[in-house]
C-alpha atoms as a PDB file:
ATOM      1  CA  UNK A   1      88.368  74.195 140.097  1.00  0.00           C
ATOM      2  CA  UNK A   2      91.507  76.217 138.230  1.00  0.00           C
ATOM      3  CA  UNK A   3      94.298  76.652 138.265  1.00  0.00           C
ATOM      4  CA  UNK A   4      95.386  77.055 141.616  1.00  0.00           C
ATOM      5  CA  UNK A   5      93.346  74.920 143.553  1.00  0.00           C
ATOM      6  CA  UNK A   6      94.133  72.144 141.507  1.00  0.00           C
ATOM      7  CA  UNK A   7      96.689  71.003 143.324  1.00  0.00           C
ATOM      8  CA  UNK A   8      95.006  70.483 146.838  1.00  0.00           C
ATOM      9  CA  UNK A   9      91.720  68.452 145.989  1.00  0.00           C
ATOM     10  CA  UNK A  10      91.628  67.351 149.917  1.00  0.00           C
ATOM     11  CA  UNK A  11      92.156  71.001 151.188  1.00  0.00           C
ATOM     12  CA  UNK A  12      89.030  72.177 149.344  1.00  0.00           C
ATOM     13  CA  UNK A  13      87.182  68.459 149.800  1.00  0.00           C
ATOM     14  CA  UNK A  14      87.506  69.040 153.410  1.00  0.00           C
ATOM     15  CA  UNK A  15      86.991  72.859 154.035  1.00  0.00           C
ATOM     16  CA  UNK A  16      83.586  71.687 152.692  1.00  0.00           C
ATOM     17  CA  UNK A  17      83.165  68.591 154.270  1.00  0.00           C
ATOM     18  CA  UNK A  18      83.670  69.649 157.437  1.00  0.00           C
ATOM     19  CA  UNK A  19      83.747  74.221 157.308  1.00  0.00           C
ATOM     20  CA  UNK A  20      81.704  74.146 155.064  1.00  0.00           C
ATOM     21  CA  UNK A  21      78.829  71.217 156.031  1.00  0.00           C
ATOM     22  CA  UNK A  22      78.366  70.501 152.537  1.00  0.00           C
ATOM     23  CA  UNK A  23      76.384  67.552 151.617  1.00  0.00           C
ATOM     24  CA  UNK A  24      76.340  67.657 148.360  1.00  0.00           C
ATOM     25  CA  UNK A  25      79.193  68.570 145.562  1.00  0.00           C
ATOM     26  CA  UNK A  26      79.997  69.492 142.239  1.00  0.00           C
ATOM     27  CA  UNK A  27      83.243  70.575 141.233  1.00  0.00           C
ATOM     28  CA  UNK A  28      83.612  71.876 137.727  1.00  0.00           C
ATOM     29  CA  UNK A  29      86.827  72.961 136.093  1.00  0.00           C
ATOM     30  CA  UNK A  30      87.781  75.809 134.475  1.00  0.00           C
ATOM     31  CA  UNK A  31      88.194  75.894 130.786  1.00  0.00           C
ATOM     32  CA  UNK A  32      88.722  78.761 129.093  1.00  0.00           C
ATOM     33  CA  UNK A  33      90.457  79.489 125.669  1.00  0.00           C
ATOM     34  CA  UNK A  34      92.409  82.012 123.952  1.00  0.00           C
ATOM     35  CA  UNK A  35      92.706  83.255 120.874  1.00  0.00           C
ATOM     36  CA  UNK A  36      90.471  85.417 118.927  1.00  0.00           C
ATOM     37  CA  UNK A  37      87.444  84.329 117.423  1.00  0.00           C
ATOM     38  CA  UNK A  38      87.614  81.186 119.160  1.00  0.00           C
ATOM     39  CA  UNK A  39      83.889  80.196 120.781  1.00  0.00           C
ATOM     40  CA  UNK A  40      82.728  76.881 122.509  1.00  0.00           C
ATOM     41  CA  UNK A  41      83.573  74.043 121.257  1.00  0.00           C
ATOM     42  CA  UNK A  42      86.183  75.545 117.593  1.00  0.00           C
ATOM     43  CA  UNK A  43      88.427  75.319 118.476  1.00  0.00           C
ATOM     44  CA  UNK A  44      92.069  74.911 117.510  1.00  0.00           C
ATOM     45  CA  UNK A  45      94.537  73.934 119.443  1.00  0.00           C
ATOM     46  CA  UNK A  46      94.995  77.660 121.456  1.00  0.00           C
ATOM     47  CA  UNK A  47      96.096  77.284 124.776  1.00  0.00           C
ATOM     48  CA  UNK A  48      93.943  78.604 127.772  1.00  0.00           C
ATOM     49  CA  UNK A  49      94.080  80.527 129.855  1.00  0.00           C
ATOM     50  CA  UNK A  50      96.350  81.342 132.995  1.00  0.00           C
ATOM     51  CA  UNK A  51      93.657  79.904 135.867  1.00  0.00           C
ATOM     52  CA  UNK A  52      92.312  77.219 133.295  1.00  0.00           C
ATOM     53  CA  UNK A  53      92.860  73.962 135.136  1.00  0.00           C
ATOM     54  CA  UNK A  54      95.868  71.555 134.036  1.00  0.00           C
ATOM     55  CA  UNK A  55      94.317  67.938 132.539  1.00  0.00           C
ATOM     56  CA  UNK A  56      96.160  66.105 135.015  1.00  0.00           C
ATOM     57  CA  UNK A  57      95.092  68.202 137.698  1.00  0.00           C
ATOM     58  CA  UNK A  58      91.814  67.496 137.807  1.00  0.00           C
ATOM     59  CA  UNK A  59      93.043  63.799 137.260  1.00  0.00           C
ATOM     60  CA  UNK A  60      94.723  64.101 140.166  1.00  0.00           C
ATOM     61  CA  UNK A  61      92.366  66.672 142.286  1.00  0.00           C
ATOM     62  CA  UNK A  62      89.480  64.103 141.396  1.00  0.00           C
ATOM     63  CA  UNK A  63      91.979  60.955 142.921  1.00  0.00           C
ATOM     64  CA  UNK A  64      92.601  62.851 145.770  1.00  0.00           C
ATOM     65  CA  UNK A  65      89.112  63.595 147.198  1.00  0.00           C
ATOM     66  CA  UNK A  66      87.584  60.197 146.131  1.00  0.00           C
ATOM     67  CA  UNK A  67      90.683  58.331 147.827  1.00  0.00           C
ATOM     68  CA  UNK A  68      89.819  59.874 150.952  1.00  0.00           C
ATOM     69  CA  UNK A  69      85.605  60.001 150.238  1.00  0.00           C
ATOM     70  CA  UNK A  70      85.584  56.035 149.868  1.00  0.00           C
ATOM     71  CA  UNK A  71      87.739  55.252 153.084  1.00  0.00           C
ATOM     72  CA  UNK A  72      85.139  57.396 155.412  1.00  0.00           C
ATOM     73  CA  UNK A  73      82.332  59.579 152.920  1.00  0.00           C
ATOM     74  CA  UNK A  74      79.781  57.589 150.874  1.00  0.00           C
ATOM     75  CA  UNK A  75      76.133  57.588 151.956  1.00  0.00           C
ATOM     76  CA  UNK A  76      76.931  60.283 153.680  1.00  0.00           C
ATOM     77  CA  UNK A  77      78.857  63.006 151.158  1.00  0.00           C
ATOM     78  CA  UNK A  78      77.597  63.435 147.882  1.00  0.00           C
ATOM     79  CA  UNK A  79      80.105  64.269 144.934  1.00  0.00           C
ATOM     80  CA  UNK A  80      78.690  63.697 142.325  1.00  0.00           C
ATOM     81  CA  UNK A  81      80.760  63.533 139.599  1.00  0.00           C
ATOM     82  CA  UNK A  82      81.537  60.151 142.009  1.00  0.00           C
ATOM     83  CA  UNK A  83      77.978  59.255 141.910  1.00  0.00           C
ATOM     84  CA  UNK A  84      76.877  60.096 137.494  1.00  0.00           C
ATOM     85  CA  UNK A  85      80.384  57.057 137.865  1.00  0.00           C
ATOM     86  CA  UNK A  86      79.173  54.740 139.943  1.00  0.00           C
ATOM     87  CA  UNK A  87      76.432  55.066 136.802  1.00  0.00           C
ATOM     88  CA  UNK A  88      79.124  54.098 134.436  1.00  0.00           C
ATOM     89  CA  UNK A  89      79.751  51.074 136.256  1.00  0.00           C
ATOM     90  CA  UNK A  90      75.846  50.524 137.137  1.00  0.00           C
ATOM     91  CA  UNK A  91      75.511  50.347 132.946  1.00  0.00           C
ATOM     92  CA  UNK A  92      72.968  53.423 133.777  1.00  0.00           C
ATOM     93  CA  UNK A  93      72.959  55.498 131.101  1.00  0.00           C
ATOM     94  CA  UNK A  94      74.637  59.013 132.775  1.00  0.00           C
ATOM     95  CA  UNK A  95      72.156  61.499 135.014  1.00  0.00           C
ATOM     96  CA  UNK A  96      74.277  64.447 133.035  1.00  0.00           C
ATOM     97  CA  UNK A  97      74.398  65.138 129.826  1.00  0.00           C
ATOM     98  CA  UNK A  98      78.411  65.100 129.763  1.00  0.00           C
ATOM     99  CA  UNK A  99      79.132  61.530 130.383  1.00  0.00           C
ATOM    100  CA  UNK A 100      76.416  60.345 128.420  1.00  0.00           C
ATOM    101  CA  UNK A 101      76.829  59.100 124.391  1.00  0.00           C
ATOM    102  CA  UNK A 102      74.597  62.101 122.835  1.00  0.00           C
ATOM    103  CA  UNK A 103      73.228  65.245 124.369  1.00  0.00           C
ATOM    104  CA  UNK A 104      70.666  67.475 123.715  1.00  0.00           C
ATOM    105  CA  UNK A 105      67.806  67.923 126.425  1.00  0.00           C
ATOM    106  CA  UNK A 106      70.447  70.772 128.361  1.00  0.00           C
ATOM    107  CA  UNK A 107      68.590  73.957 125.824  1.00  0.00           C
ATOM    108  CA  UNK A 108      68.475  77.609 127.590  1.00  0.00           C
ATOM    109  CA  UNK A 109      65.947  80.130 127.450  1.00  0.00           C
ATOM    110  CA  UNK A 110      66.692  84.226 127.932  1.00  0.00           C
ATOM    111  CA  UNK A 111      65.213  86.807 129.037  1.00  0.00           C
ATOM    112  CA  UNK A 112      64.078  88.264 126.277  1.00  0.00           C
ATOM    113  CA  UNK A 113      62.554  84.373 124.893  1.00  0.00           C
ATOM    114  CA  UNK A 114      65.186  83.148 122.655  1.00  0.00           C
ATOM    115  CA  UNK A 115      66.708  79.504 123.634  1.00  0.00           C
ATOM    116  CA  UNK A 116      69.791  77.781 122.238  1.00  0.00           C
ATOM    117  CA  UNK A 117      70.842  74.345 122.695  1.00  0.00           C
ATOM    118  CA  UNK A 118      73.012  74.685 125.731  1.00  0.00           C
ATOM    119  CA  UNK A 119      74.524  76.734 128.178  1.00  0.00           C
ATOM    120  CA  UNK A 120      77.752  76.451 126.812  1.00  0.00           C
ATOM    121  CA  UNK A 121      76.601  77.579 123.183  1.00  0.00           C
ATOM    122  CA  UNK A 122      74.985  80.616 123.990  1.00  0.00           C
ATOM    123  CA  UNK A 123      75.706  82.263 120.195  1.00  0.00           C
ATOM    124  CA  UNK A 124      74.322  82.959 117.637  1.00  0.00           C
ATOM    125  CA  UNK A 125      74.792  79.755 115.392  1.00  0.00           C
ATOM    126  CA  UNK A 126      73.587  77.503 118.438  1.00  0.00           C
ATOM    127  CA  UNK A 127      70.020  79.269 118.541  1.00  0.00           C
ATOM    128  CA  UNK A 128      67.131  77.335 118.323  1.00  0.00           C
ATOM    129  CA  UNK A 129      64.338  79.800 117.843  1.00  0.00           C
ATOM    130  CA  UNK A 130      62.408  82.372 119.870  1.00  0.00           C
ATOM    131  CA  UNK A 131      59.030  81.210 122.049  1.00  0.00           C
ATOM    132  CA  UNK A 132      57.414  83.886 121.546  1.00  0.00           C
ATOM    133  CA  UNK A 133      57.168  83.010 118.343  1.00  0.00           C
ATOM    134  CA  UNK A 134      57.741  79.529 118.137  1.00  0.00           C
ATOM    135  CA  UNK A 135      56.093  77.359 120.182  1.00  0.00           C
ATOM    136  CA  UNK A 136      58.840  75.307 123.038  1.00  0.00           C
ATOM    137  CA  UNK A 137      57.318  71.885 122.077  1.00  0.00           C
ATOM    138  CA  UNK A 138      58.090  72.579 118.282  1.00  0.00           C
ATOM    139  CA  UNK A 139      61.463  74.489 119.256  1.00  0.00           C
ATOM    140  CA  UNK A 140      62.690  71.804 121.735  1.00  0.00           C
ATOM    141  CA  UNK A 141      61.679  68.969 119.026  1.00  0.00           C
ATOM    142  CA  UNK A 142      63.445  70.705 116.000  1.00  0.00           C
ATOM    143  CA  UNK A 143      65.942  68.903 113.886  1.00  0.00           C
ATOM    144  CA  UNK A 144      67.859  71.254 114.210  1.00  0.00           C
ATOM    145  CA  UNK A 145      68.447  70.526 118.503  1.00  0.00           C
ATOM    146  CA  UNK A 146      68.625  66.914 117.518  1.00  0.00           C
ATOM    147  CA  UNK A 147      71.513  67.372 114.740  1.00  0.00           C
ATOM    148  CA  UNK A 148      73.781  69.418 117.953  1.00  0.00           C
ATOM    149  CA  UNK A 149      72.756  66.454 120.118  1.00  0.00           C
ATOM    150  CA  UNK A 150      73.665  63.825 118.047  1.00  0.00           C
ATOM    151  CA  UNK A 151      76.801  65.963 117.274  1.00  0.00           C
ATOM    152  CA  UNK A 152      78.661  64.840 120.613  1.00  0.00           C
ATOM    153  CA  UNK A 153      78.833  61.087 119.401  1.00  0.00           C
ATOM    154  CA  UNK A 154      81.692  61.717 116.910  1.00  0.00           C
ATOM    155  CA  UNK A 155      84.685  60.979 118.546  1.00  0.00           C
ATOM    156  CA  UNK A 156      88.435  60.512 117.477  1.00  0.00           C
ATOM    157  CA  UNK A 157      89.955  57.112 117.234  1.00  0.00           C
ATOM    158  CA  UNK A 158      92.067  57.944 120.681  1.00  0.00           C
ATOM    159  CA  UNK A 159      88.329  57.926 122.305  1.00  0.00           C
ATOM    160  CA  UNK A 160      86.705  54.602 120.245  1.00  0.00           C
ATOM    161  CA  UNK A 161      89.643  52.625 121.264  1.00  0.00           C
ATOM    162  CA  UNK A 162      89.596  53.615 124.879  1.00  0.00           C
ATOM    163  CA  UNK A 163      89.133  51.066 128.150  1.00  0.00           C
ATOM    164  CA  UNK A 164      87.801  54.136 129.899  1.00  0.00           C
ATOM    165  CA  UNK A 165      84.872  55.705 127.321  1.00  0.00           C
ATOM    166  CA  UNK A 166      81.859  53.808 128.728  1.00  0.00           C
ATOM    167  CA  UNK A 167      82.200  56.240 131.605  1.00  0.00           C
ATOM    168  CA  UNK A 168      83.815  59.096 130.239  1.00  0.00           C
ATOM    169  CA  UNK A 169      81.877  59.323 126.434  1.00  0.00           C
ATOM    170  CA  UNK A 170      84.378  62.545 125.204  1.00  0.00           C
ATOM    171  CA  UNK A 171      83.141  64.903 127.918  1.00  0.00           C
ATOM    172  CA  UNK A 172      81.536  67.815 127.044  1.00  0.00           C
ATOM    173  CA  UNK A 173      82.175  69.238 123.121  1.00  0.00           C
ATOM    174  CA  UNK A 174      83.093  72.469 124.013  1.00  0.00           C
ATOM    175  CA  UNK A 175      85.758  71.088 125.651  1.00  0.00           C
ATOM    176  CA  UNK A 176      86.955  69.192 122.518  1.00  0.00           C
ATOM    177  CA  UNK A 177      90.442  70.883 120.718  1.00  0.00           C
ATOM    178  CA  UNK A 178      89.367  71.763 117.184  1.00  0.00           C
ATOM    179  CA  UNK A 179      85.731  71.149 117.877  1.00  0.00           C
ATOM    180  CA  UNK A 180      83.124  68.693 118.586  1.00  0.00           C
ATOM    181  CA  UNK A 181      84.945  65.826 116.700  1.00  0.00           C
ATOM    182  CA  UNK A 182      88.330  66.381 118.599  1.00  0.00           C
ATOM    183  CA  UNK A 183      89.848  65.069 121.542  1.00  0.00           C
ATOM    184  CA  UNK A 184      88.639  66.390 124.044  1.00  0.00           C
ATOM    185  CA  UNK A 185      91.036  68.629 126.280  1.00  0.00           C
ATOM    186  CA  UNK A 186      90.504  67.631 129.990  1.00  0.00           C
ATOM    187  CA  UNK A 187      91.685  63.581 128.198  1.00  0.00           C
ATOM    188  CA  UNK A 188      94.656  62.936 130.316  1.00  0.00           C
ATOM    189  CA  UNK A 189      93.270  63.823 133.518  1.00  0.00           C
ATOM    190  CA  UNK A 190      90.129  62.036 133.638  1.00  0.00           C
ATOM    191  CA  UNK A 191      91.747  58.323 131.905  1.00  0.00           C
ATOM    192  CA  UNK A 192      93.701  58.780 135.342  1.00  0.00           C
ATOM    193  CA  UNK A 193      90.801  59.167 137.308  1.00  0.00           C
ATOM    194  CA  UNK A 194      88.319  56.700 135.798  1.00  0.00           C
ATOM    195  CA  UNK A 195      91.224  54.375 135.575  1.00  0.00           C
ATOM    196  CA  UNK A 196      91.973  54.730 139.473  1.00  0.00           C
ATOM    197  CA  UNK A 197      88.535  53.753 140.539  1.00  0.00           C
ATOM    198  CA  UNK A 198      87.517  51.302 138.747  1.00  0.00           C
ATOM    199  CA  UNK A 199      88.754  49.017 140.982  1.00  0.00           C
ATOM    200  CA  UNK A 200      86.647  50.279 143.599  1.00  0.00           C
ATOM    201  CA  UNK A 201      83.908  51.146 141.264  1.00  0.00           C
ATOM    202  CA  UNK A 202      83.161  47.374 140.543  1.00  0.00           C
ATOM    203  CA  UNK A 203      83.161  47.029 144.165  1.00  0.00           C
ATOM    204  CA  UNK A 204      80.848  49.264 145.155  1.00  0.00           C
ATOM    205  CA  UNK A 205      77.965  48.024 142.241  1.00  0.00           C
ATOM    206  CA  UNK A 206      78.121  44.719 143.355  1.00  0.00           C
ATOM    207  CA  UNK A 207      75.767  45.266 146.400  1.00  0.00           C
ATOM    208  CA  UNK A 208      73.925  48.223 144.512  1.00  0.00           C
ATOM    209  CA  UNK A 209      72.895  45.803 142.616  1.00  0.00           C
ATOM    210  CA  UNK A 210      71.706  43.550 145.350  1.00  0.00           C
ATOM    211  CA  UNK A 211      70.052  46.448 146.808  1.00  0.00           C
ATOM    212  CA  UNK A 212      72.593  46.429 149.588  1.00  0.00           C
ATOM    213  CA  UNK A 213      74.098  49.812 150.400  1.00  0.00           C
ATOM    214  CA  UNK A 214      77.271  51.254 148.703  1.00  0.00           C
ATOM    215  CA  UNK A 215      78.863  52.210 152.257  1.00  0.00           C
ATOM    216  CA  UNK A 216      79.777  48.300 152.404  1.00  0.00           C
ATOM    217  CA  UNK A 217      82.781  49.089 150.592  1.00  0.00           C
ATOM    218  CA  UNK A 218      84.121  51.727 153.151  1.00  0.00           C
ATOM    219  CA  UNK A 219      84.727  48.553 155.890  1.00  0.00           C
ATOM    220  CA  UNK A 220      86.438  46.876 152.872  1.00  0.00           C
ATOM    221  CA  UNK A 221      88.530  49.388 152.139  1.00  0.00           C
ATOM    222  CA  UNK A 222      89.547  49.604 156.128  1.00  0.00           C
ATOM    223  CA  UNK A 223      90.263  45.940 156.224  1.00  0.00           C
ATOM    224  CA  UNK A 224      92.340  46.435 152.511  1.00  0.00           C
ATOM    225  CA  UNK A 225      94.547  49.335 154.466  1.00  0.00           C
ATOM    226  CA  UNK A 226      94.943  47.044 157.833  1.00  0.00           C
ATOM    227  CA  UNK A 227      96.486  44.566 156.452  1.00  0.00           C
ATOM    228  CA  UNK A 228      98.195  46.807 153.928  1.00  0.00           C
ATOM    229  CA  UNK A 229      99.544  48.658 157.217  1.00  0.00           C
ATOM    230  CA  UNK A 230     100.257  44.895 158.859  1.00  0.00           C
ATOM    231  CA  UNK A 231     102.351  43.750 155.888  1.00  0.00           C
ATOM    232  CA  UNK A 232     104.273  46.988 155.089  1.00  0.00           C
ATOM    233  CA  UNK A 233     104.932  46.697 158.941  1.00  0.00           C
ATOM    234  CA  UNK A 234     106.514  43.211 158.805  1.00  0.00           C
ATOM    235  CA  UNK A 235     108.405  44.561 155.095  1.00  0.00           C
ATOM    236  CA  UNK A 236     110.091  46.782 157.144  1.00  0.00           C
ATOM    237  CA  UNK A 237     111.223  44.701 160.406  1.00  0.00           C
ATOM    238  CA  UNK A 238     112.734  42.562 157.890  1.00  0.00           C
ATOM    239  CA  UNK A 239     114.357  45.070 156.471  1.00  0.00           C
ATOM    240  CA  UNK A 240     116.027  46.477 159.314  1.00  0.00           C
ATOM    241  CA  UNK A 241     119.153  44.575 160.474  1.00  0.00           C
ATOM    242  CA  UNK A 242     119.600  42.621 163.704  1.00  0.00           C
ATOM    243  CA  UNK A 243     120.918  44.288 166.435  1.00  0.00           C
ATOM    244  CA  UNK A 244     124.288  43.592 167.698  1.00  0.00           C
ATOM    245  CA  UNK A 245     124.661  39.893 169.180  1.00  0.00           C
ATOM    246  CA  UNK A 246     121.962  38.793 168.012  1.00  0.00           C
ATOM    247  CA  UNK A 247     122.119  34.607 166.772  1.00  0.00           C
ATOM    248  CA  UNK A 248     118.894  33.742 165.285  1.00  0.00           C
ATOM    249  CA  UNK A 249     118.446  29.298 166.891  1.00  0.00           C
END
């Protein structure tokens, strides 16, 4: 998801669902850093490229899609970001590295046998070795890879004090200002998104814990929407001036 599509979350989602027939959807934010020598995870506040998504764009994009999904598509369309979030509200370790406390189990093997710690860190500094020279199992259990994964847990004070840290975990280090220990560029958007879905995720997690389907939430949302619409109509009717000649008994 980039800067141009960031304002069209609902439209993008409906196209994928209705036109493309997609039932498993993953949205990946484009964050490209500018500045000579600014590699992944080593930024010093340099701006992002024009096509990169802005933090609040990303948050609103996810919120817009979630609001439509939770009303009608739970159990029918699987948006991975929402599935991963539900795992956090269930107290289950995230299935993806970006939302875990640590990472380091998504290595990349190049055509020449070089092994890197992550697909976002295919750089000389993160080369673990070559499987033609060192057994793969040895590289995967190396101290170097362990240190790489543990570095994700180094978070700034703003993250450590954040009430949605349990769901975010600082996201991916490649998007952090100043490197692994910096604040994530997308932080404002993620915070808006996780705060927005807190109440429905709590509702959705309860039946799942009891072995019931998560889609029960759609009926609850339907009832809540009906009550909300009824209340709005009553308030509008009460605010309208009485017709000429009307006198209450």
